[in-house]
């Protein structure tokens, strides 16, 4: 993850996940880790991971299904 001090941490996490999606490391239909696991994976608090997933939803890269989780959708090219 980049360490640009002028970018929110949740944006850096969302950018990293987006890069993984576009590189094919997280394919269409892949389930994202839960907030606690995602926070541990990226070294951030669970609330920051939650905000990163919200950012990814706003970017159209994931959808969240209640009680199921967040899943990768095909990104717009």
Protein backbone atom coordinates (compact mmCIF):
# COMPACT_ATOMS: atom_id res chain seq x y z
CA UNK A 1 0.00 0.00 0.00
CA UNK A 2 1.21 3.48 -0.76
CA UNK A 3 2.01 5.70 2.20
CA UNK A 4 0.77 9.02 0.79
CA UNK A 5 0.02 11.10 3.91
CA UNK A 6 -2.67 13.07 2.07
CA UNK A 7 -4.89 10.06 1.34
CA UNK A 8 -7.27 8.50 3.84
CA UNK A 9 -6.27 5.02 4.99
CA UNK A 10 -9.59 3.52 3.84
CA UNK A 11 -8.94 4.88 0.33
CA UNK A 12 -5.51 3.22 0.29
CA UNK A 13 -7.10 -0.09 1.32
CA UNK A 14 -9.83 0.29 -1.32
CA UNK A 15 -7.19 1.12 -3.95
CA UNK A 16 -5.24 -2.02 -3.01
CA UNK A 17 -8.32 -4.23 -3.21
CA UNK A 18 -9.29 -2.62 -6.52
CA UNK A 19 -5.82 -3.39 -7.88
CA UNK A 20 -6.24 -7.02 -6.79
CA UNK A 21 -9.63 -7.19 -8.51
CA UNK A 22 -8.33 -5.71 -11.76
CA UNK A 23 -5.27 -8.01 -11.68
CA UNK A 24 -7.56 -11.04 -11.40
CA UNK A 25 -6.37 -11.99 -7.91
CA UNK A 26 -9.95 -11.48 -6.72
CA UNK A 27 -12.13 -12.84 -9.55
CA UNK A 28 -15.81 -12.15 -10.21
CA UNK A 29 -17.89 -13.71 -7.45
CA UNK A 30 -15.05 -13.89 -4.92
CA UNK A 31 -16.12 -13.16 -1.36
CA UNK A 32 -14.18 -10.48 0.49
CA UNK A 33 -12.94 -11.31 4.00
CA UNK A 34 -15.06 -10.10 6.90
CA UNK A 35 -14.15 -6.75 8.46
CA UNK A 36 -11.98 -8.22 11.20
CA UNK A 37 -10.04 -10.46 8.82
CA UNK A 38 -9.72 -7.74 6.21
CA UNK A 39 -8.44 -5.35 8.88
CA UNK A 40 -5.81 -7.89 9.94
CA UNK A 41 -4.84 -8.56 6.31
CA UNK A 42 -4.25 -4.88 5.54
CA UNK A 43 -3.11 -3.80 9.00
CA UNK A 44 -6.07 -1.50 9.71
CA UNK A 45 -8.95 -1.34 12.20
CA UNK A 46 -12.17 -3.19 11.36
CA UNK A 47 -13.98 0.16 11.00
CA UNK A 48 -11.45 1.24 8.39
CA UNK A 49 -11.99 -2.03 6.53
CA UNK A 50 -15.76 -1.40 6.67
CA UNK A 51 -15.29 2.05 5.15
CA UNK A 52 -13.01 0.60 2.45
CA UNK A 53 -15.74 -1.89 1.47
CA UNK A 54 -18.22 0.99 1.33
CA UNK A 55 -15.82 2.81 -1.01
CA UNK A 56 -15.56 -0.30 -3.19
CA UNK A 57 -19.37 -0.48 -3.37
CA UNK A 58 -19.46 3.17 -4.45
CA UNK A 59 -16.91 2.37 -7.15
CA UNK A 60 -19.14 -0.45 -8.40
CA UNK A 61 -16.58 -3.15 -7.69
CA UNK A 62 -18.40 -5.11 -4.98
CA UNK A 63 -21.93 -5.77 -3.82
CA UNK A 64 -22.88 -6.54 -0.23
CA UNK A 65 -25.66 -8.99 0.54
CA UNK A 66 -27.04 -8.78 4.09
CA UNK A 67 -25.95 -11.73 6.24
CA UNK A 68 -23.94 -13.13 3.30
CA UNK A 69 -20.95 -10.83 2.79
CA UNK A 70 -19.41 -8.68 0.09
CA UNK A 71 -18.68 -10.11 -3.33
CA UNK A 72 -16.66 -8.94 -6.32
CA UNK A 73 -18.62 -7.97 -9.41
CA UNK A 74 -17.19 -7.55 -12.89
CA UNK A 75 -15.47 -4.14 -12.91
CA UNK A 76 -16.21 -1.70 -15.71
CA UNK A 77 -13.30 -1.54 -18.09
